[in-house]
Amino acid sequence: ELRSGSVSIEGDWTGTVVVEAELESLRALARCMFEEAEVDESQLEDA
């Protein structure tokens, strides 16, 4: 159950960067980013 995000890079080199993380990892990162003890689904996606 990895959550995933991607960004594209376009120019002389074209490709995609994908970052995937397990939910608990993402939850810990989101709590740090938002400085909150609990985060909701939209905050997980934003993080």
PDB file of all heavy atoms in Angstrom:
ATOM      1  N   GLU A   1       0.830  -1.198   0.000  1.00  0.00           N
ATOM      2  CA  GLU A   1       0.000   0.000   0.000  1.00  0.00           C
ATOM      3  C   GLU A   1       0.869   1.254   0.000  1.00  0.00           C
ATOM      4  O   GLU A   1       0.967   1.948   0.997  1.00  0.00           O
ATOM      5  CB  GLU A   1      -0.907  -0.016   1.224  1.00  0.00           C
ATOM      6  CG  GLU A   1      -1.931  -1.116   1.212  1.00  0.00           C
ATOM      7  CD  GLU A   1      -2.990  -0.901   0.140  1.00  0.00           C
ATOM      8  OE1 GLU A   1      -3.419   0.247  -0.060  1.00  0.00           O
ATOM      9  OE2 GLU A   1      -3.362  -1.883  -0.501  1.00  0.00           O
ATOM     10  N   LEU A   2       1.495   1.532  -1.108  1.00  0.00           N
ATOM     11  CA  LEU A   2       2.288   2.744  -1.227  1.00  0.00           C
ATOM     12  C   LEU A   2       1.441   3.847  -1.844  1.00  0.00           C
ATOM     13  O   LEU A   2       0.763   3.631  -2.844  1.00  0.00           O
ATOM     14  CB  LEU A   2       3.529   2.506  -2.102  1.00  0.00           C
ATOM     15  CG  LEU A   2       4.557   1.507  -1.591  1.00  0.00           C
ATOM     16  CD1 LEU A   2       5.661   1.324  -2.621  1.00  0.00           C
ATOM     17  CD2 LEU A   2       5.140   1.951  -0.264  1.00  0.00           C
ATOM     18  N   ARG A   3       1.472   5.025  -1.250  1.00  0.00           N
ATOM     19  CA  ARG A   3       0.819   6.194  -1.823  1.00  0.00           C
ATOM     20  C   ARG A   3       1.820   6.831  -2.771  1.00  0.00           C
ATOM     21  O   ARG A   3       3.010   6.875  -2.473  1.00  0.00           O
ATOM     22  CB  ARG A   3       0.438   7.190  -0.729  1.00  0.00           C
ATOM     23  CG  ARG A   3      -0.461   6.607   0.354  1.00  0.00           C
ATOM     24  CD  ARG A   3      -1.900   6.908   0.038  1.00  0.00           C
ATOM     25  NE  ARG A   3      -2.773   6.430   1.082  1.00  0.00           N
ATOM     26  CZ  ARG A   3      -3.626   7.196   1.735  1.00  0.00           C
ATOM     27  NH1 ARG A   3      -3.708   8.487   1.478  1.00  0.00           N
ATOM     28  NH2 ARG A   3      -4.409   6.680   2.645  1.00  0.00           N
ATOM     29  N   SER A   4       1.349   7.372  -3.884  1.00  0.00           N
ATOM     30  CA  SER A   4       2.298   7.871  -4.879  1.00  0.00           C
ATOM     31  C   SER A   4       1.936   9.261  -5.386  1.00  0.00           C
ATOM     32  O   SER A   4       0.773   9.631  -5.488  1.00  0.00           O
ATOM     33  CB  SER A   4       2.377   6.905  -6.052  1.00  0.00           C
ATOM     34  OG  SER A   4       1.125   6.812  -6.696  1.00  0.00           O
ATOM     35  N   GLY A   5       2.991  10.003  -5.705  1.00  0.00           N
ATOM     36  CA  GLY A   5       2.871  11.303  -6.340  1.00  0.00           C
ATOM     37  C   GLY A   5       3.873  11.369  -7.476  1.00  0.00           C
ATOM     38  O   GLY A   5       4.888  10.680  -7.453  1.00  0.00           O
ATOM     39  N   SER A   6       3.592  12.197  -8.467  1.00  0.00           N
ATOM     40  CA  SER A   6       4.520  12.323  -9.594  1.00  0.00           C
ATOM     41  C   SER A   6       4.578  13.758 -10.081  1.00  0.00           C
ATOM     42  O   SER A   6       3.635  14.536  -9.901  1.00  0.00           O
ATOM     43  CB  SER A   6       4.116  11.395 -10.742  1.00  0.00           C
ATOM     44  OG  SER A   6       2.870  11.779 -11.291  1.00  0.00           O
ATOM     45  N   VAL A   7       5.710  14.107 -10.689  1.00  0.00           N
ATOM     46  CA  VAL A   7       5.885  15.366 -11.408  1.00  0.00           C
ATOM     47  C   VAL A   7       6.595  15.043 -12.706  1.00  0.00           C
ATOM     48  O   VAL A   7       7.394  14.112 -12.773  1.00  0.00           O
ATOM     49  CB  VAL A   7       6.681  16.439 -10.627  1.00  0.00           C
ATOM     50  CG1 VAL A   7       5.920  16.949  -9.430  1.00  0.00           C
ATOM     51  CG2 VAL A   7       8.046  15.938 -10.225  1.00  0.00           C
ATOM     52  N   SER A   8       6.284  15.813 -13.735  1.00  0.00           N
ATOM     53  CA  SER A   8       6.953  15.647 -15.024  1.00  0.00           C
ATOM     54  C   SER A   8       7.994  16.735 -15.192  1.00  0.00           C
ATOM     55  O   SER A   8       7.819  17.863 -14.723  1.00  0.00           O
ATOM     56  CB  SER A   8       5.943  15.746 -16.173  1.00  0.00           C
ATOM     57  OG  SER A   8       5.037  14.675 -16.109  1.00  0.00           O
ATOM     58  N   ILE A   9       9.064  16.362 -15.863  1.00  0.00           N
ATOM     59  CA  ILE A   9      10.100  17.310 -16.241  1.00  0.00           C
ATOM     60  C   ILE A   9      10.122  17.320 -17.761  1.00  0.00           C
ATOM     61  O   ILE A   9      10.170  16.261 -18.387  1.00  0.00           O
ATOM     62  CB  ILE A   9      11.477  16.908 -15.684  1.00  0.00           C
ATOM     63  CG1 ILE A   9      11.447  16.867 -14.153  1.00  0.00           C
ATOM     64  CG2 ILE A   9      12.557  17.876 -16.188  1.00  0.00           C
ATOM     65  CD1 ILE A   9      12.705  16.322 -13.515  1.00  0.00           C
ATOM     66  N   GLU A  10      10.056  18.510 -18.346  1.00  0.00           N
ATOM     67  CA  GLU A  10      10.058  18.612 -19.806  1.00  0.00           C
ATOM     68  C   GLU A  10      11.093  19.626 -20.248  1.00  0.00           C
ATOM     69  O   GLU A  10      11.239  20.678 -19.635  1.00  0.00           O
ATOM     70  CB  GLU A  10       8.669  18.996 -20.309  1.00  0.00           C
ATOM     71  CG  GLU A  10       7.655  17.942 -19.934  1.00  0.00           C
ATOM     72  CD  GLU A  10       6.406  17.996 -20.762  1.00  0.00           C
ATOM     73  OE1 GLU A  10       6.388  18.688 -21.773  1.00  0.00           O
ATOM     74  OE2 GLU A  10       5.450  17.312 -20.371  1.00  0.00           O
ATOM     75  N   GLY A  11      11.809  19.274 -21.282  1.00  0.00           N
ATOM     76  CA  GLY A  11      12.848  20.129 -21.841  1.00  0.00           C
ATOM     77  C   GLY A  11      13.693  19.277 -22.767  1.00  0.00           C
ATOM     78  O   GLY A  11      13.168  18.402 -23.466  1.00  0.00           O
ATOM     79  N   ASP A  12      15.012  19.508 -22.756  1.00  0.00           N
ATOM     80  CA  ASP A  12      15.896  18.664 -23.561  1.00  0.00           C
ATOM     81  C   ASP A  12      15.841  17.209 -23.094  1.00  0.00           C
ATOM     82  O   ASP A  12      16.050  16.294 -23.862  1.00  0.00           O
ATOM     83  CB  ASP A  12      17.332  19.174 -23.518  1.00  0.00           C
ATOM     84  CG  ASP A  12      17.484  20.467 -24.305  1.00  0.00           C
ATOM     85  OD1 ASP A  12      16.636  20.750 -25.174  1.00  0.00           O
ATOM     86  OD2 ASP A  12      18.456  21.187 -24.048  1.00  0.00           O
ATOM     87  N   TRP A  13      15.603  17.008 -21.799  1.00  0.00           N
ATOM     88  CA  TRP A  13      15.332  15.670 -21.265  1.00  0.00           C
ATOM     89  C   TRP A  13      13.904  15.696 -20.751  1.00  0.00           C
ATOM     90  O   TRP A  13      13.491  16.641 -20.063  1.00  0.00           O
ATOM     91  CB  TRP A  13      16.289  15.312 -20.130  1.00  0.00           C
ATOM     92  CG  TRP A  13      15.997  13.948 -19.567  1.00  0.00           C
ATOM     93  CD1 TRP A  13      16.449  12.761 -20.049  1.00  0.00           C
ATOM     94  CD2 TRP A  13      15.178  13.628 -18.433  1.00  0.00           C
ATOM     95  NE1 TRP A  13      15.963  11.721 -19.292  1.00  0.00           N
ATOM     96  CE2 TRP A  13      15.172  12.232 -18.296  1.00  0.00           C
ATOM     97  CE3 TRP A  13      14.432  14.385 -17.538  1.00  0.00           C
ATOM     98  CZ2 TRP A  13      14.480  11.571 -17.283  1.00  0.00           C
ATOM     99  CZ3 TRP A  13      13.728  13.732 -16.530  1.00  0.00           C
ATOM    100  CH2 TRP A  13      13.766  12.344 -16.421  1.00  0.00           C
ATOM    101  N   THR A  14      13.130  14.670 -21.071  1.00  0.00           N
ATOM    102  CA  THR A  14      11.737  14.599 -20.638  1.00  0.00           C
ATOM    103  C   THR A  14      11.520  13.312 -19.859  1.00  0.00           C
ATOM    104  O   THR A  14      11.915  12.233 -20.311  1.00  0.00           O
ATOM    105  CB  THR A  14      10.789  14.658 -21.854  1.00  0.00           C
ATOM    106  OG1 THR A  14      11.016  15.885 -22.547  1.00  0.00           O
ATOM    107  CG2 THR A  14       9.344  14.597 -21.418  1.00  0.00           C
ATOM    108  N   GLY A  15      10.908  13.441 -18.707  1.00  0.00           N
ATOM    109  CA  GLY A  15      10.652  12.263 -17.890  1.00  0.00           C
ATOM    110  C   GLY A  15       9.722  12.573 -16.737  1.00  0.00           C
ATOM    111  O   GLY A  15       9.140  13.664 -16.648  1.00  0.00           O
ATOM    112  N   THR A  16       9.585  11.608 -15.860  1.00  0.00           N
ATOM    113  CA  THR A  16       8.683  11.704 -14.719  1.00  0.00           C
ATOM    114  C   THR A  16       9.406  11.245 -13.463  1.00  0.00           C
ATOM    115  O   THR A  16      10.155  10.271 -13.498  1.00  0.00           O
ATOM    116  CB  THR A  16       7.435  10.820 -14.934  1.00  0.00           C
ATOM    117  OG1 THR A  16       6.816  11.190 -16.168  1.00  0.00           O
ATOM    118  CG2 THR A  16       6.433  10.970 -13.809  1.00  0.00           C
ATOM    119  N   VAL A  17       9.180  11.943 -12.374  1.00  0.00           N
ATOM    120  CA  VAL A  17       9.698  11.568 -11.070  1.00  0.00           C
ATOM    121  C   VAL A  17       8.517  11.087 -10.240  1.00  0.00           C
ATOM    122  O   VAL A  17       7.500  11.777 -10.154  1.00  0.00           O
ATOM    123  CB  VAL A  17      10.392  12.762 -10.380  1.00  0.00           C
ATOM    124  CG1 VAL A  17      10.825  12.401  -8.963  1.00  0.00           C
ATOM    125  CG2 VAL A  17      11.573  13.252 -11.216  1.00  0.00           C
ATOM    126  N   VAL A  18       8.652   9.907  -9.659  1.00  0.00           N
ATOM    127  CA  VAL A  18       7.590   9.333  -8.837  1.00  0.00           C
ATOM    128  C   VAL A  18       8.130   9.097  -7.434  1.00  0.00           C
ATOM    129  O   VAL A  18       9.193   8.493  -7.263  1.00  0.00           O
ATOM    130  CB  VAL A  18       7.072   8.000  -9.425  1.00  0.00           C
ATOM    131  CG1 VAL A  18       5.972   7.419  -8.551  1.00  0.00           C
ATOM    132  CG2 VAL A  18       6.588   8.189 -10.857  1.00  0.00           C
ATOM    133  N   VAL A  19       7.396   9.576  -6.429  1.00  0.00           N
ATOM    134  CA  VAL A  19       7.726   9.341  -5.026  1.00  0.00           C
ATOM    135  C   VAL A  19       6.592   8.516  -4.440  1.00  0.00           C
ATOM    136  O   VAL A  19       5.418   8.886  -4.567  1.00  0.00           O
ATOM    137  CB  VAL A  19       7.894  10.662  -4.246  1.00  0.00           C
ATOM    138  CG1 VAL A  19       8.133  10.381  -2.767  1.00  0.00           C
ATOM    139  CG2 VAL A  19       9.030  11.494  -4.834  1.00  0.00           C
ATOM    140  N   GLU A  20       6.948   7.403  -3.820  1.00  0.00           N
ATOM    141  CA  GLU A  20       5.956   6.530  -3.189  1.00  0.00           C
ATOM    142  C   GLU A  20       6.330   6.331  -1.723  1.00  0.00           C
ATOM    143  O   GLU A  20       7.516   6.202  -1.410  1.00  0.00           O
ATOM    144  CB  GLU A  20       5.921   5.172  -3.881  1.00  0.00           C
ATOM    145  CG  GLU A  20       5.555   5.252  -5.352  1.00  0.00           C
ATOM    146  CD  GLU A  20       5.743   3.926  -6.043  1.00  0.00           C
ATOM    147  OE1 GLU A  20       6.912   3.611  -6.380  1.00  0.00           O
ATOM    148  OE2 GLU A  20       4.748   3.200  -6.221  1.00  0.00           O
ATOM    149  N   ALA A  21       5.337   6.282  -0.863  1.00  0.00           N
ATOM    150  CA  ALA A  21       5.601   6.092   0.562  1.00  0.00           C
ATOM    151  C   ALA A  21       4.458   5.324   1.207  1.00  0.00           C
ATOM    152  O   ALA A  21       3.295   5.481   0.817  1.00  0.00           O
ATOM    153  CB  ALA A  21       5.777   7.433   1.261  1.00  0.00           C
ATOM    154  N   GLU A  22       4.810   4.512   2.193  1.00  0.00           N
ATOM    155  CA  GLU A  22       3.778   3.831   2.971  1.00  0.00           C
ATOM    156  C   GLU A  22       3.014   4.866   3.790  1.00  0.00           C
ATOM    157  O   GLU A  22       3.536   5.945   4.121  1.00  0.00           O
ATOM    158  CB  GLU A  22       4.403   2.781   3.891  1.00  0.00           C
ATOM    159  CG  GLU A  22       4.845   1.553   3.143  1.00  0.00           C
ATOM    160  CD  GLU A  22       5.341   0.457   4.053  1.00  0.00           C
ATOM    161  OE1 GLU A  22       6.197   0.723   4.924  1.00  0.00           O
ATOM    162  OE2 GLU A  22       4.874  -0.678   3.874  1.00  0.00           O
ATOM    163  N   LEU A  23       1.792   4.544   4.120  1.00  0.00           N
ATOM    164  CA  LEU A  23       0.901   5.475   4.803  1.00  0.00           C
ATOM    165  C   LEU A  23       1.501   6.023   6.095  1.00  0.00           C
ATOM    166  O   LEU A  23       1.432   7.229   6.351  1.00  0.00           O
ATOM    167  CB  LEU A  23      -0.457   4.810   5.076  1.00  0.00           C
ATOM    168  CG  LEU A  23      -1.475   5.656   5.812  1.00  0.00           C
ATOM    169  CD1 LEU A  23      -1.795   6.926   5.034  1.00  0.00           C
ATOM    170  CD2 LEU A  23      -2.736   4.857   6.065  1.00  0.00           C
ATOM    171  N   GLU A  24       2.090   5.173   6.930  1.00  0.00           N
ATOM    172  CA  GLU A  24       2.628   5.647   8.212  1.00  0.00           C
ATOM    173  C   GLU A  24       3.782   6.617   8.007  1.00  0.00           C
ATOM    174  O   GLU A  24       3.930   7.588   8.753  1.00  0.00           O
ATOM    175  CB  GLU A  24       3.040   4.479   9.112  1.00  0.00           C
ATOM    176  CG  GLU A  24       1.856   3.737   9.689  1.00  0.00           C
ATOM    177  CD  GLU A  24       0.854   4.665  10.382  1.00  0.00           C
ATOM    178  OE1 GLU A  24       1.262   5.498  11.222  1.00  0.00           O
ATOM    179  OE2 GLU A  24      -0.346   4.566  10.086  1.00  0.00           O
ATOM    180  N   SER A  25       4.601   6.368   7.002  1.00  0.00           N
ATOM    181  CA  SER A  25       5.683   7.290   6.672  1.00  0.00           C
ATOM    182  C   SER A  25       5.111   8.639   6.236  1.00  0.00           C
ATOM    183  O   SER A  25       5.532   9.695   6.711  1.00  0.00           O
ATOM    184  CB  SER A  25       6.551   6.696   5.562  1.00  0.00           C
ATOM    185  OG  SER A  25       7.517   7.619   5.148  1.00  0.00           O
ATOM    186  N   LEU A  26       4.158   8.588   5.343  1.00  0.00           N
ATOM    187  CA  LEU A  26       3.532   9.806   4.852  1.00  0.00           C
ATOM    188  C   LEU A  26       2.831  10.561   5.978  1.00  0.00           C
ATOM    189  O   LEU A  26       2.917  11.783   6.076  1.00  0.00           O
ATOM    190  CB  LEU A  26       2.542   9.456   3.735  1.00  0.00           C
ATOM    191  CG  LEU A  26       1.847  10.617   3.064  1.00  0.00           C
ATOM    192  CD1 LEU A  26       2.841  11.619   2.513  1.00  0.00           C
ATOM    193  CD2 LEU A  26       0.926  10.104   1.974  1.00  0.00           C
ATOM    194  N   ARG A  27       2.175   9.831   6.856  1.00  0.00           N
ATOM    195  CA  ARG A  27       1.480  10.468   7.979  1.00  0.00           C
ATOM    196  C   ARG A  27       2.481  11.216   8.877  1.00  0.00           C
ATOM    197  O   ARG A  27       2.228  12.353   9.295  1.00  0.00           O
ATOM    198  CB  ARG A  27       0.709   9.416   8.777  1.00  0.00           C
ATOM    199  CG  ARG A  27      -0.169  10.004   9.853  1.00  0.00           C
ATOM    200  CD  ARG A  27      -1.052   8.964  10.513  1.00  0.00           C
ATOM    201  NE  ARG A  27      -2.163   8.677   9.618  1.00  0.00           N
ATOM    202  CZ  ARG A  27      -2.563   7.451   9.270  1.00  0.00           C
ATOM    203  NH1 ARG A  27      -1.933   6.395   9.732  1.00  0.00           N
ATOM    204  NH2 ARG A  27      -3.578   7.285   8.473  1.00  0.00           N
ATOM    205  N   ALA A  28       3.628  10.607   9.165  1.00  0.00           N
ATOM    206  CA  ALA A  28       4.641  11.249  10.007  1.00  0.00           C
ATOM    207  C   ALA A  28       5.191  12.508   9.327  1.00  0.00           C
ATOM    208  O   ALA A  28       5.373  13.546   9.977  1.00  0.00           O
ATOM    209  CB  ALA A  28       5.774  10.277  10.309  1.00  0.00           C
ATOM    210  N   LEU A  29       5.435  12.432   8.028  1.00  0.00           N
ATOM    211  CA  LEU A  29       5.937  13.593   7.293  1.00  0.00           C
ATOM    212  C   LEU A  29       4.900  14.714   7.275  1.00  0.00           C
ATOM    213  O   LEU A  29       5.234  15.891   7.447  1.00  0.00           O
ATOM    214  CB  LEU A  29       6.320  13.189   5.875  1.00  0.00           C
ATOM    215  CG  LEU A  29       7.490  12.200   5.766  1.00  0.00           C
ATOM    216  CD1 LEU A  29       7.600  11.681   4.343  1.00  0.00           C
ATOM    217  CD2 LEU A  29       8.785  12.821   6.234  1.00  0.00           C
ATOM    218  N   ALA A  30       3.636  14.359   7.075  1.00  0.00           N
ATOM    219  CA  ALA A  30       2.563  15.362   7.040  1.00  0.00           C
ATOM    220  C   ALA A  30       2.404  16.030   8.406  1.00  0.00           C
ATOM    221  O   ALA A  30       2.202  17.254   8.480  1.00  0.00           O
ATOM    222  CB  ALA A  30       1.249  14.724   6.597  1.00  0.00           C
ATOM    223  N   ARG A  31       2.519  15.248   9.474  1.00  0.00           N
ATOM    224  CA  ARG A  31       2.421  15.853  10.820  1.00  0.00           C
ATOM    225  C   ARG A  31       3.532  16.875  11.023  1.00  0.00           C
ATOM    226  O   ARG A  31       3.307  17.941  11.602  1.00  0.00           O
ATOM    227  CB  ARG A  31       2.467  14.771  11.896  1.00  0.00           C
ATOM    228  CG  ARG A  31       1.194  13.976  12.006  1.00  0.00           C
ATOM    229  CD  ARG A  31       1.154  13.135  13.280  1.00  0.00           C
ATOM    230  NE  ARG A  31       2.245  12.205  13.404  1.00  0.00           N
ATOM    231  CZ  ARG A  31       2.176  10.891  13.151  1.00  0.00           C
ATOM    232  NH1 ARG A  31       1.031  10.363  12.765  1.00  0.00           N
ATOM    233  NH2 ARG A  31       3.219  10.124  13.306  1.00  0.00           N
ATOM    234  N   CYS A  32       4.707  16.576  10.529  1.00  0.00           N
ATOM    235  CA  CYS A  32       5.826  17.523  10.633  1.00  0.00           C
ATOM    236  C   CYS A  32       5.547  18.772   9.793  1.00  0.00           C
ATOM    237  O   CYS A  32       5.730  19.892  10.262  1.00  0.00           O
ATOM    238  CB  CYS A  32       7.118  16.850  10.185  1.00  0.00           C
ATOM    239  SG  CYS A  32       8.535  17.969  10.183  1.00  0.00           S
ATOM    240  N   MET A  33       5.097  18.578   8.567  1.00  0.00           N
ATOM    241  CA  MET A  33       4.856  19.703   7.664  1.00  0.00           C
ATOM    242  C   MET A  33       3.767  20.633   8.184  1.00  0.00           C
ATOM    243  O   MET A  33       3.891  21.859   8.089  1.00  0.00           O
ATOM    244  CB  MET A  33       4.461  19.195   6.273  1.00  0.00           C
ATOM    245  CG  MET A  33       5.597  18.544   5.521  1.00  0.00           C
ATOM    246  SD  MET A  33       5.066  17.863   3.960  1.00  0.00           S
ATOM    247  CE  MET A  33       5.119  19.337   2.948  1.00  0.00           C
ATOM    248  N   PHE A  34       2.696  20.054   8.726  1.00  0.00           N
ATOM    249  CA  PHE A  34       1.561  20.863   9.170  1.00  0.00           C
ATOM    250  C   PHE A  34       1.603  21.182  10.660  1.00  0.00           C
ATOM    251  O   PHE A  34       0.721  21.870  11.164  1.00  0.00           O
ATOM    252  CB  PHE A  34       0.245  20.158   8.812  1.00  0.00           C
ATOM    253  CG  PHE A  34       0.016  20.096   7.333  1.00  0.00           C
ATOM    254  CD1 PHE A  34       0.190  18.906   6.636  1.00  0.00           C
ATOM    255  CD2 PHE A  34      -0.335  21.233   6.621  1.00  0.00           C
ATOM    256  CE1 PHE A  34      -0.008  18.846   5.267  1.00  0.00           C
ATOM    257  CE2 PHE A  34      -0.529  21.185   5.250  1.00  0.00           C
ATOM    258  CZ  PHE A  34      -0.357  19.983   4.567  1.00  0.00           C
ATOM    259  N   GLU A  35       2.627  20.648  11.353  1.00  0.00           N
ATOM    260  CA  GLU A  35       2.789  20.868  12.785  1.00  0.00           C
ATOM    261  C   GLU A  35       1.514  20.562  13.552  1.00  0.00           C
ATOM    262  O   GLU A  35       1.042  21.367  14.363  1.00  0.00           O
ATOM    263  CB  GLU A  35       3.279  22.298  13.047  1.00  0.00           C
ATOM    264  CG  GLU A  35       4.623  22.584  12.417  1.00  0.00           C
ATOM    265  CD  GLU A  35       5.103  23.996  12.635  1.00  0.00           C
ATOM    266  OE1 GLU A  35       4.299  24.878  13.025  1.00  0.00           O
ATOM    267  OE2 GLU A  35       6.298  24.217  12.418  1.00  0.00           O
ATOM    268  N   GLU A  36       0.952  19.402  13.243  1.00  0.00           N
ATOM    269  CA  GLU A  36      -0.278  18.957  13.901  1.00  0.00           C
ATOM    270  C   GLU A  36      -0.109  17.512  14.364  1.00  0.00           C
ATOM    271  O   GLU A  36       0.591  16.728  13.728  1.00  0.00           O
ATOM    272  CB  GLU A  36      -1.461  19.066  12.943  1.00  0.00           C
ATOM    273  CG  GLU A  36      -1.778  20.498  12.558  1.00  0.00           C
ATOM    274  CD  GLU A  36      -3.010  20.612  11.683  1.00  0.00           C
ATOM    275  OE1 GLU A  36      -3.782  19.654  11.587  1.00  0.00           O
ATOM    276  OE2 GLU A  36      -3.185  21.696  11.093  1.00  0.00           O
ATOM    277  N   ALA A  37      -0.811  17.162  15.442  1.00  0.00           N
ATOM    278  CA  ALA A  37      -0.730  15.805  15.969  1.00  0.00           C
ATOM    279  C   ALA A  37      -1.462  14.813  15.075  1.00  0.00           C
ATOM    280  O   ALA A  37      -1.061  13.659  14.960  1.00  0.00           O
ATOM    281  CB  ALA A  37      -1.302  15.755  17.390  1.00  0.00           C
ATOM    282  N   GLU A  38      -2.525  15.257  14.450  1.00  0.00           N
ATOM    283  CA  GLU A  38      -3.299  14.401  13.543  1.00  0.00           C
ATOM    284  C   GLU A  38      -3.484  15.129  12.223  1.00  0.00           C
ATOM    285  O   GLU A  38      -3.645  16.345  12.202  1.00  0.00           O
ATOM    286  CB  GLU A  38      -4.665  14.066  14.150  1.00  0.00           C
ATOM    287  CG  GLU A  38      -4.594  13.213  15.402  1.00  0.00           C
ATOM    288  CD  GLU A  38      -3.940  11.864  15.167  1.00  0.00           C
ATOM    289  OE1 GLU A  38      -4.178  11.239  14.108  1.00  0.00           O
ATOM    290  OE2 GLU A  38      -3.184  11.417  16.050  1.00  0.00           O
ATOM    291  N   VAL A  39      -3.476  14.363  11.133  1.00  0.00           N
ATOM    292  CA  VAL A  39      -3.683  14.948   9.804  1.00  0.00           C
ATOM    293  C   VAL A  39      -4.787  14.186   9.095  1.00  0.00           C
ATOM    294  O   VAL A  39      -4.994  13.002   9.331  1.00  0.00           O
ATOM    295  CB  VAL A  39      -2.385  14.928   8.965  1.00  0.00           C
ATOM    296  CG1 VAL A  39      -1.364  15.905   9.525  1.00  0.00           C
ATOM    297  CG2 VAL A  39      -1.794  13.535   8.884  1.00  0.00           C
ATOM    298  N   ASP A  40      -5.506  14.898   8.228  1.00  0.00           N
ATOM    299  CA  ASP A  40      -6.586  14.259   7.489  1.00  0.00           C
ATOM    300  C   ASP A  40      -6.113  13.865   6.087  1.00  0.00           C
ATOM    301  O   ASP A  40      -4.964  14.120   5.704  1.00  0.00           O
ATOM    302  CB  ASP A  40      -7.834  15.145   7.440  1.00  0.00           C
ATOM    303  CG  ASP A  40      -7.603  16.473   6.740  1.00  0.00           C
ATOM    304  OD1 ASP A  40      -6.703  16.577   5.873  1.00  0.00           O
ATOM    305  OD2 ASP A  40      -8.356  17.421   7.033  1.00  0.00           O
ATOM    306  N   GLU A  41      -6.993  13.267   5.326  1.00  0.00           N
ATOM    307  CA  GLU A  41      -6.644  12.756   3.999  1.00  0.00           C
ATOM    308  C   GLU A  41      -6.153  13.862   3.065  1.00  0.00           C
ATOM    309  O   GLU A  41      -5.194  13.671   2.317  1.00  0.00           O
ATOM    310  CB  GLU A  41      -7.856  12.044   3.385  1.00  0.00           C
ATOM    311  CG  GLU A  41      -7.548  11.318   2.091  1.00  0.00           C
ATOM    312  CD  GLU A  41      -6.545  10.186   2.233  1.00  0.00           C
ATOM    313  OE1 GLU A  41      -6.491   9.535   3.291  1.00  0.00           O
ATOM    314  OE2 GLU A  41      -5.791   9.959   1.266  1.00  0.00           O
ATOM    315  N   SER A  42      -6.793  15.019   3.111  1.00  0.00           N
ATOM    316  CA  SER A  42      -6.354  16.102   2.214  1.00  0.00           C
ATOM    317  C   SER A  42      -4.956  16.590   2.587  1.00  0.00           C
ATOM    318  O   SER A  42      -4.163  16.949   1.711  1.00  0.00           O
ATOM    319  CB  SER A  42      -7.361  17.254   2.202  1.00  0.00           C
ATOM    320  OG  SER A  42      -7.370  17.926   3.433  1.00  0.00           O
ATOM    321  N   GLN A  43      -4.629  16.598   3.871  1.00  0.00           N
ATOM    322  CA  GLN A  43      -3.284  16.987   4.289  1.00  0.00           C
ATOM    323  C   GLN A  43      -2.254  15.937   3.865  1.00  0.00           C
ATOM    324  O   GLN A  43      -1.131  16.297   3.504  1.00  0.00           O
ATOM    325  CB  GLN A  43      -3.236  17.211   5.801  1.00  0.00           C
ATOM    326  CG  GLN A  43      -3.992  18.460   6.235  1.00  0.00           C
ATOM    327  CD  GLN A  43      -4.129  18.549   7.722  1.00  0.00           C
ATOM    328  OE1 GLN A  43      -4.585  17.611   8.374  1.00  0.00           O
ATOM    329  NE2 GLN A  43      -3.735  19.687   8.276  1.00  0.00           N
ATOM    330  N   LEU A  44      -2.641  14.664   3.907  1.00  0.00           N
ATOM    331  CA  LEU A  44      -1.739  13.612   3.423  1.00  0.00           C
ATOM    332  C   LEU A  44      -1.428  13.819   1.945  1.00  0.00           C
ATOM    333  O   LEU A  44      -0.275  13.727   1.519  1.00  0.00           O
ATOM    334  CB  LEU A  44      -2.348  12.221   3.640  1.00  0.00           C
ATOM    335  CG  LEU A  44      -2.456  11.729   5.069  1.00  0.00           C
ATOM    336  CD1 LEU A  44      -3.228  10.415   5.113  1.00  0.00           C
ATOM    337  CD2 LEU A  44      -1.082  11.569   5.699  1.00  0.00           C
ATOM    338  N   GLU A  45      -2.466  14.115   1.160  1.00  0.00           N
ATOM    339  CA  GLU A  45      -2.264  14.353  -0.275  1.00  0.00           C
ATOM    340  C   GLU A  45      -1.436  15.605  -0.514  1.00  0.00           C
ATOM    341  O   GLU A  45      -0.546  15.606  -1.375  1.00  0.00           O
ATOM    342  CB  GLU A  45      -3.615  14.446  -0.986  1.00  0.00           C
ATOM    343  CG  GLU A  45      -4.315  13.119  -1.098  1.00  0.00           C
ATOM    344  CD  GLU A  45      -5.625  13.200  -1.850  1.00  0.00           C
ATOM    345  OE1 GLU A  45      -5.939  14.259  -2.438  1.00  0.00           O
ATOM    346  OE2 GLU A  45      -6.341  12.182  -1.862  1.00  0.00           O
ATOM    347  N   ASP A  46      -1.703  16.661   0.243  1.00  0.00           N
ATOM    348  CA  ASP A  46      -0.929  17.897   0.096  1.00  0.00           C
ATOM    349  C   ASP A  46       0.542  17.663   0.451  1.00  0.00           C
ATOM    350  O   ASP A  46       1.443  18.172  -0.227  1.00  0.00           O
ATOM    351  CB  ASP A  46      -1.488  19.014   0.979  1.00  0.00           C
ATOM    352  CG  ASP A  46      -2.807  19.568   0.474  1.00  0.00           C
ATOM    353  OD1 ASP A  46      -3.190  19.267  -0.685  1.00  0.00           O
ATOM    354  OD2 ASP A  46      -3.460  20.300   1.241  1.00  0.00           O
ATOM    355  N   ALA A  47       0.779  16.910   1.514  1.00  0.00           N
ATOM    356  CA  ALA A  47       2.159  16.620   1.924  1.00  0.00           C
ATOM    357  C   ALA A  47       2.877  15.809   0.847  1.00  0.00           C
ATOM    358  O   ALA A  47       4.020  16.122   0.494  1.00  0.00           O
ATOM    359  CB  ALA A  47       2.169  15.873   3.259  1.00  0.00           C
TER     360      ALA A  47
END
